[in-house]
Amino acid sequence: MLLLSLAAALGASPAFAKDDAIETPKRKQLVIVSFDGAHDNLLWEKSRAMAKRTGAHFTYFLSCTFLFPREERATYQAPHEKRGRSNVGFSPDKEDTILRLGEIWLAKLEGHDIGSHACGHFDGGKWSADDWKAEFTFFHEALKNAWQNAGVGEREPADWQRFVKEDIRGFRAPYLSAGNGLMKALEDNGFTYDASLVSKGPAMPVASGKLARFALPLIPEGTSKRPVIAMDYNLYVRHSKGKEKPENSTAFEESTLKAYRDAFARQYDGERIPLQLGFHFVEMNAGAYWRALDRFLTETCGQKDVACVSYAQAMDILAKEKRATGAAL
């Protein structure tokens, strides 16, 4: 585990009388919210507005095929796939791509974290390290040359190249499928954290070489309290077998919100392990899960000792705590 409680670093103070109880401070309760895919421009706007309204910061795991219009799909070839194939498609046209680039830059300026979700959303569980490196190279080049490729190189922000080179440090594997070849490729490509694991409940990140590895937790949900991965798609499958049931949207929203509230309270009143929640740029079951998230963040982020942060911010906070406590990885 990365960090130990602050209490380990605190001892009794002789300034207090012998019978006085010393209350050791708890760590901040971190809530880490991320979005996979990061393509629909209207949902970029909606999520950024949600963040401003609630005081949250997000991580956006970008799929890089959305930086290319369909007519340029032959530019991309995933490992072991036919050229021009993508499981999530491409941008419809250059105008859509340009809008997306603007959203990415606004999110960066607003303090959000931009990470990689690879490109074509393929299952890389059996990919080699070289396969992943090829995918990461394409991702990097796509982002590096995005404004030029879209035909608006003159509009590229002055700090864009530094941002691409230095700030894209996080990754989440499509389908959460992280095989043996992934870790070495991540390290070799300068990533500092991976968010592809799943844990039985909220868990501190673990160290793997030079990487910090985060895990989406299983949380109890519904009347049966059966555990489900704290991600909108998994709730969508749980609630409606992956098919839209808009007539039940409100019920799904309420069940999801209760699951979030209960998972948060368990940590806030207990060990204060970071609570991680995952989403996609798709409003499943008529927006039930995004509405639940909005309500949850609205009532949670302003509470005492709570920080609704991106993965990059969580890394900084946990590193400071580590230095303060002297905890070892």
Protein backbone atom coordinates (compact mmCIF):
# COMPACT_ATOMS: atom_id res chain seq x y z
CA MET A 1 0.00 0.00 0.00
CA LEU A 2 1.21 3.51 -0.74
CA LEU A 3 0.40 5.23 2.48
CA LEU A 4 -0.26 4.74 6.15
CA SER A 5 -2.49 6.80 8.41
CA LEU A 6 -1.28 10.16 9.65
CA ALA A 7 -1.81 8.80 13.13
CA ALA A 8 1.33 6.70 12.77
CA ALA A 9 3.41 9.87 12.70
CA LEU A 10 1.81 11.57 15.67
CA GLY A 11 2.71 11.02 19.28
CA ALA A 12 1.50 12.32 22.64
CA SER A 13 2.26 15.96 23.41
CA PRO A 14 3.61 16.92 26.86
CA ALA A 15 1.73 20.23 26.60
CA PHE A 16 -1.53 18.50 27.47
CA ALA A 17 -2.59 17.22 30.86
CA LYS A 18 -2.26 13.51 31.33
CA ASP A 19 -6.00 12.82 31.15
CA ASP A 20 -6.66 14.96 28.10
CA ALA A 21 -7.58 12.95 25.02
CA ILE A 22 -5.59 13.80 21.93
CA GLU A 23 -7.59 13.58 18.74
CA THR A 24 -5.34 12.59 15.86
CA PRO A 25 -6.41 14.15 12.58
CA LYS A 26 -7.76 11.94 9.83
CA ARG A 27 -6.63 12.18 6.25
CA LYS A 28 -8.89 13.97 3.82
CA GLN A 29 -11.56 11.82 2.25
CA LEU A 30 -10.74 11.75 -1.44
CA VAL A 31 -13.42 11.18 -4.06
CA ILE A 32 -11.89 10.42 -7.47
CA VAL A 33 -14.17 10.60 -10.52
CA SER A 34 -13.10 9.68 -14.03
CA PHE A 35 -14.65 9.46 -17.49
CA ASP A 36 -13.60 6.93 -20.15
CA GLY A 37 -13.70 7.76 -23.84
CA ALA A 38 -14.10 11.54 -23.51
CA HIS A 39 -15.60 12.04 -26.98
CA ASP A 40 -19.09 13.63 -27.04
CA ASN A 41 -18.53 17.40 -27.02
CA LEU A 42 -21.88 18.11 -25.34
CA LEU A 43 -20.86 15.82 -22.48
CA TRP A 44 -17.50 17.59 -22.25
CA GLU A 45 -19.46 20.79 -21.67
CA LYS A 46 -21.87 19.11 -19.26
CA SER A 47 -19.14 17.49 -17.16
CA ARG A 48 -17.09 20.67 -16.98
CA ALA A 49 -20.17 22.60 -15.85
CA MET A 50 -20.84 19.92 -13.22
CA ALA A 51 -17.27 20.28 -11.97
CA LYS A 52 -17.55 24.07 -11.67
CA ARG A 53 -20.86 23.83 -9.86
CA THR A 54 -19.72 21.19 -7.35
CA GLY A 55 -16.05 22.11 -6.90
CA ALA A 56 -14.86 18.76 -8.27
CA HIS A 57 -11.96 17.95 -10.58
CA PHE A 58 -12.08 14.99 -12.95
CA THR A 59 -9.80 12.70 -14.91
CA TYR A 60 -10.70 12.27 -18.57
CA PHE A 61 -9.29 9.09 -20.15
CA LEU A 62 -9.23 9.99 -23.84
CA SER A 63 -9.61 7.51 -26.72
CA CYS A 64 -7.44 8.99 -29.44
CA THR A 65 -9.44 7.82 -32.48
CA PHE A 66 -11.78 10.71 -31.68
CA LEU A 67 -9.04 13.04 -32.88
CA PHE A 68 -9.50 11.76 -36.44
CA PRO A 69 -12.55 12.11 -38.70
CA ARG A 70 -13.98 8.94 -40.23
CA GLU A 71 -12.53 9.84 -43.61
CA GLU A 72 -9.04 9.55 -42.11
CA ARG A 73 -9.63 6.27 -40.25
CA ALA A 74 -6.99 4.47 -42.34
CA THR A 75 -4.41 6.51 -40.42
CA TYR A 76 -4.89 4.16 -37.46
CA GLN A 77 -3.99 0.51 -37.12
CA ALA A 78 -4.32 -1.18 -33.75
CA PRO A 79 -2.12 -4.19 -32.91
CA HIS A 80 -3.42 -7.34 -34.63
CA GLU A 81 -6.36 -5.48 -36.16
CA LYS A 82 -7.19 -4.38 -39.68
CA ARG A 83 -6.18 -0.86 -40.60
CA GLY A 84 -8.92 1.68 -39.95
CA ARG A 85 -10.77 -0.41 -37.35
CA SER A 86 -11.93 1.07 -34.04
CA ASN A 87 -14.35 -0.39 -31.52
CA VAL A 88 -15.57 3.09 -30.61
CA GLY A 89 -15.47 4.77 -34.00
CA PHE A 90 -13.92 8.07 -34.99
CA SER A 91 -14.86 11.73 -34.98
CA PRO A 92 -17.64 12.45 -37.50
CA ASP A 93 -15.75 15.33 -39.12
CA LYS A 94 -12.96 17.87 -38.62
CA GLU A 95 -15.29 20.46 -37.09
CA ASP A 96 -16.22 17.99 -34.36
CA THR A 97 -12.54 17.23 -33.78
CA ILE A 98 -11.68 20.92 -33.45
CA LEU A 99 -14.44 21.40 -30.88
CA ARG A 100 -13.09 18.42 -28.93
CA LEU A 101 -9.57 19.82 -28.93
CA GLY A 102 -10.96 23.04 -27.49
CA GLU A 103 -12.78 21.10 -24.77
CA ILE A 104 -9.62 19.18 -23.88
CA TRP A 105 -7.70 22.42 -23.55
CA LEU A 106 -10.39 24.15 -21.48
CA ALA A 107 -10.51 21.13 -19.15
CA LYS A 108 -6.75 21.28 -18.76
CA LEU A 109 -6.88 25.01 -17.96
CA GLU A 110 -9.61 24.36 -15.39
CA GLY A 111 -7.38 21.94 -13.51
CA HIS A 112 -8.67 18.62 -14.79
CA ASP A 113 -6.45 15.65 -15.57
CA ILE A 114 -6.23 14.26 -19.11
CA GLY A 115 -5.17 10.61 -19.29
CA SER A 116 -4.94 7.95 -21.97
CA HIS A 117 -7.56 5.31 -22.75
CA ALA A 118 -5.44 4.12 -25.69
CA CYS A 119 -7.02 4.65 -29.11
CA GLY A 120 -9.46 2.19 -30.66
CA HIS A 121 -10.76 0.60 -27.42
CA PHE A 122 -9.53 -2.91 -28.11
CA ASP A 123 -9.02 -5.60 -25.50
CA GLY A 124 -5.24 -5.58 -24.98
CA GLY A 125 -5.21 -8.33 -22.37
CA LYS A 126 -3.01 -10.49 -24.62
CA TRP A 127 -0.97 -7.70 -26.14
CA SER A 128 2.81 -7.71 -25.73
CA ALA A 129 4.77 -4.78 -24.36
CA ASP A 130 5.70 -3.89 -27.96
CA ASP A 131 2.02 -3.92 -28.97
CA TRP A 132 1.20 -1.48 -26.19
CA LYS A 133 4.19 0.69 -27.05
CA ALA A 134 2.93 0.97 -30.63
CA GLU A 135 -0.51 1.99 -29.36
CA PHE A 136 1.00 4.55 -26.98
CA THR A 137 3.21 5.97 -29.74
CA PHE A 138 0.18 6.47 -31.96
CA PHE A 139 -1.74 8.07 -29.08
CA HIS A 140 1.12 10.48 -28.37
CA GLU A 141 1.61 11.44 -32.01
CA ALA A 142 -2.13 11.88 -32.51
CA LEU A 143 -2.32 14.31 -29.60
CA LYS A 144 0.94 16.04 -30.49
CA ASN A 145 -0.13 16.76 -34.06
CA ALA A 146 -3.87 17.09 -33.43
CA TRP A 147 -4.28 20.77 -34.29
CA GLN A 148 -2.16 20.45 -37.43
CA ASN A 149 -4.03 17.32 -38.51
CA ALA A 150 -7.33 19.15 -38.05
CA GLY A 151 -6.12 21.94 -40.34
CA VAL A 152 -6.01 24.62 -37.65
CA GLY A 153 -2.38 24.57 -36.59
CA GLU A 154 -2.45 28.34 -36.12
CA ARG A 155 -4.98 27.84 -33.27
CA GLU A 156 -2.82 25.44 -31.29
CA PRO A 157 -2.37 26.77 -27.72
CA ALA A 158 1.16 27.93 -26.93
CA ASP A 159 1.56 25.36 -24.14
CA TRP A 160 0.04 22.42 -26.02
CA GLN A 161 3.29 20.62 -26.83
CA ARG A 162 4.51 20.77 -23.25
CA PHE A 163 1.12 19.54 -22.08
CA VAL A 164 1.28 16.53 -24.42
CA LYS A 165 4.85 15.72 -23.46
CA GLU A 166 4.62 16.16 -19.69
CA ASP A 167 1.04 16.07 -18.46
CA ILE A 168 -0.43 12.87 -19.92
CA ARG A 169 0.67 10.58 -17.10
CA GLY A 170 -2.32 8.35 -16.36
CA PHE A 171 -3.87 5.38 -18.15
CA ARG A 172 -6.90 3.14 -17.97
CA ALA A 173 -7.08 0.01 -20.10
CA PRO A 174 -10.17 -0.50 -22.25
CA TYR A 175 -12.43 -3.10 -20.64
CA LEU A 176 -10.10 -2.83 -17.59
CA SER A 177 -8.11 -5.54 -19.39
CA ALA A 178 -4.51 -5.12 -18.29
CA GLY A 179 -2.33 -8.03 -19.40
CA ASN A 180 1.28 -8.88 -18.67
CA GLY A 181 2.71 -6.64 -21.38
CA LEU A 182 1.09 -3.45 -20.12
CA MET A 183 3.12 -2.46 -17.06
CA LYS A 184 6.51 -2.38 -18.77
CA ALA A 185 5.06 -0.41 -21.67
CA LEU A 186 3.53 2.12 -19.29
CA GLU A 187 6.82 2.66 -17.49
CA ASP A 188 8.77 2.91 -20.74
CA ASN A 189 6.33 5.53 -22.00
CA GLY A 190 6.58 7.75 -18.92
CA PHE A 191 3.24 7.03 -17.27
CA THR A 192 3.14 7.38 -13.49
CA TYR A 193 -0.21 5.78 -12.69
CA ASP A 194 -2.58 3.14 -13.99
CA ALA A 195 -6.27 2.97 -13.08
CA SER A 196 -7.16 -0.41 -14.60
CA LEU A 197 -7.52 -2.59 -11.50
CA VAL A 198 -10.65 -3.71 -9.66
CA SER A 199 -10.68 -4.23 -5.88
CA LYS A 200 -13.13 -5.90 -3.48
CA GLY A 201 -13.79 -2.53 -1.87
CA PRO A 202 -12.17 0.93 -1.74
CA ALA A 203 -8.41 0.40 -1.61
CA MET A 204 -5.29 2.50 -1.43
CA PRO A 205 -3.21 2.51 -4.61
CA VAL A 206 -0.45 -0.07 -4.76
CA ALA A 207 3.05 0.28 -6.15
CA SER A 208 4.16 -1.68 -9.20
CA GLY A 209 7.67 -0.67 -10.15
CA LYS A 210 7.53 3.05 -10.84
CA LEU A 211 3.76 3.04 -11.20
CA ALA A 212 0.97 3.69 -8.74
CA ARG A 213 -1.95 1.40 -9.54
CA PHE A 214 -5.49 2.44 -8.64
CA ALA A 215 -8.55 0.18 -8.53
CA LEU A 216 -12.23 0.80 -9.09
CA PRO A 217 -13.94 -0.78 -6.07
CA LEU A 218 -16.82 -3.15 -5.74
CA ILE A 219 -19.57 -1.40 -3.75
CA PRO A 220 -22.87 -2.79 -2.38
CA GLU A 221 -25.91 -1.75 -4.42
CA GLY A 222 -29.64 -2.32 -4.43
CA THR A 223 -31.90 -4.02 -1.92
CA SER A 224 -29.75 -7.15 -2.01
CA LYS A 225 -26.52 -5.15 -1.47
CA ARG A 226 -24.80 -7.27 -4.08
CA PRO A 227 -21.38 -5.84 -4.95
CA VAL A 228 -20.95 -4.14 -8.32
CA ILE A 229 -17.99 -2.31 -9.83
CA ALA A 230 -18.44 1.41 -9.11
CA MET A 231 -18.78 2.27 -12.78
CA ASP A 232 -21.82 3.43 -14.73
CA TYR A 233 -21.62 0.67 -17.35
CA ASN A 234 -21.59 -2.06 -14.71
CA LEU A 235 -24.64 -0.51 -13.06
CA TYR A 236 -26.29 -0.28 -16.48
CA VAL A 237 -25.78 -4.02 -17.00
CA ARG A 238 -26.93 -4.75 -13.44
CA HIS A 239 -30.07 -2.66 -13.75
CA SER A 240 -31.26 -3.34 -17.30
CA LYS A 241 -28.97 -6.00 -18.79
CA GLY A 242 -27.24 -3.33 -20.90
CA LYS A 243 -30.41 -2.21 -22.68
CA GLU A 244 -32.12 1.15 -22.32
CA LYS A 245 -35.09 1.26 -19.97
CA PRO A 246 -35.88 4.98 -19.72
CA GLU A 247 -39.12 4.30 -17.88
CA ASN A 248 -37.06 3.07 -14.90
CA SER A 249 -34.47 5.85 -15.08
CA THR A 250 -35.51 7.53 -11.83
CA ALA A 251 -35.43 4.27 -9.89
CA PHE A 252 -31.98 3.46 -11.27
CA GLU A 253 -30.78 6.95 -10.32
CA GLU A 254 -32.00 6.60 -6.74
CA SER A 255 -30.46 3.15 -6.30
CA THR A 256 -27.14 4.40 -7.70
CA LEU A 257 -27.13 7.51 -5.51
CA LYS A 258 -27.79 5.43 -2.41
CA ALA A 259 -24.92 3.10 -3.30
CA TYR A 260 -22.58 6.10 -3.70
CA ARG A 261 -23.74 7.67 -0.46
CA ASP A 262 -23.31 4.44 1.50
CA ALA A 263 -19.86 3.73 0.04
CA PHE A 264 -18.77 7.29 0.84
CA ALA A 265 -20.13 7.24 4.40
CA ARG A 266 -18.39 3.96 5.13
CA GLN A 267 -15.03 5.54 4.29
CA TYR A 268 -15.69 9.03 5.63
CA ASP A 269 -16.65 7.62 9.03
CA GLY A 270 -13.95 4.95 8.86
CA GLU A 271 -10.49 4.63 7.32
CA ARG A 272 -10.99 7.35 4.70
CA ILE A 273 -9.65 5.28 1.84
CA PRO A 274 -10.19 7.13 -1.47
CA LEU A 275 -13.51 6.37 -3.17
CA GLN A 276 -13.16 5.94 -6.93
CA LEU A 277 -16.12 6.20 -9.29
CA GLY A 278 -15.92 5.54 -13.03
CA PHE A 279 -18.11 6.86 -15.86
CA HIS A 280 -18.30 6.99 -19.63
CA PHE A 281 -19.25 9.73 -22.07
CA VAL A 282 -22.60 7.99 -22.62
CA GLU A 283 -25.73 8.79 -20.62
CA MET A 284 -27.04 5.28 -20.06
CA ASN A 285 -30.62 4.59 -18.99
CA ALA A 286 -31.67 8.12 -19.93
CA GLY A 287 -28.93 9.76 -17.86
CA ALA A 288 -29.62 7.98 -14.56
CA TYR A 289 -25.96 7.58 -13.61
CA TRP A 290 -24.83 11.09 -14.54
CA ARG A 291 -27.74 12.54 -12.55
CA ALA A 292 -26.80 10.40 -9.56
CA LEU A 293 -23.21 11.60 -9.88
CA ASP A 294 -24.27 15.25 -10.08
CA ARG A 295 -26.39 14.95 -6.95
CA PHE A 296 -23.72 13.00 -5.10
CA LEU A 297 -20.97 15.54 -5.85
CA THR A 298 -23.27 18.47 -5.04
CA GLU A 299 -23.92 17.17 -1.54
CA THR A 300 -20.46 15.69 -0.92
CA CYS A 301 -17.64 17.86 -2.27
CA GLY A 302 -18.32 20.75 0.11
CA GLN A 303 -18.22 18.65 3.26
CA LYS A 304 -15.45 19.11 5.80
CA ASP A 305 -12.24 17.22 5.00
CA VAL A 306 -13.50 16.08 1.61
CA ALA A 307 -11.65 16.64 -1.66
CA CYS A 308 -13.23 15.68 -4.99
CA VAL A 309 -10.11 15.32 -7.09
CA SER A 310 -8.61 13.91 -10.26
CA TYR A 311 -6.19 11.00 -10.19
CA ALA A 312 -3.29 13.41 -10.76
CA GLN A 313 -4.34 15.51 -7.77
CA ALA A 314 -4.83 12.39 -5.66
CA MET A 315 -1.28 11.33 -6.50
CA ASP A 316 0.03 14.68 -5.20
CA ILE A 317 -2.07 14.55 -2.02
CA LEU A 318 -1.07 10.97 -1.25
CA ALA A 319 2.60 11.72 -1.94
CA LYS A 320 2.50 14.64 0.53
CA GLU A 321 0.90 12.39 3.11
CA LYS A 322 3.58 9.79 2.50
CA ARG A 323 6.31 12.37 3.08
CA ALA A 324 4.57 13.62 6.23
CA THR A 325 4.23 10.15 7.74
CA GLY A 326 7.42 8.60 6.41
CA ALA A 327 5.35 5.70 5.13
CA ALA A 328 7.06 3.34 2.74
CA LEU A 329 5.59 2.01 -0.49
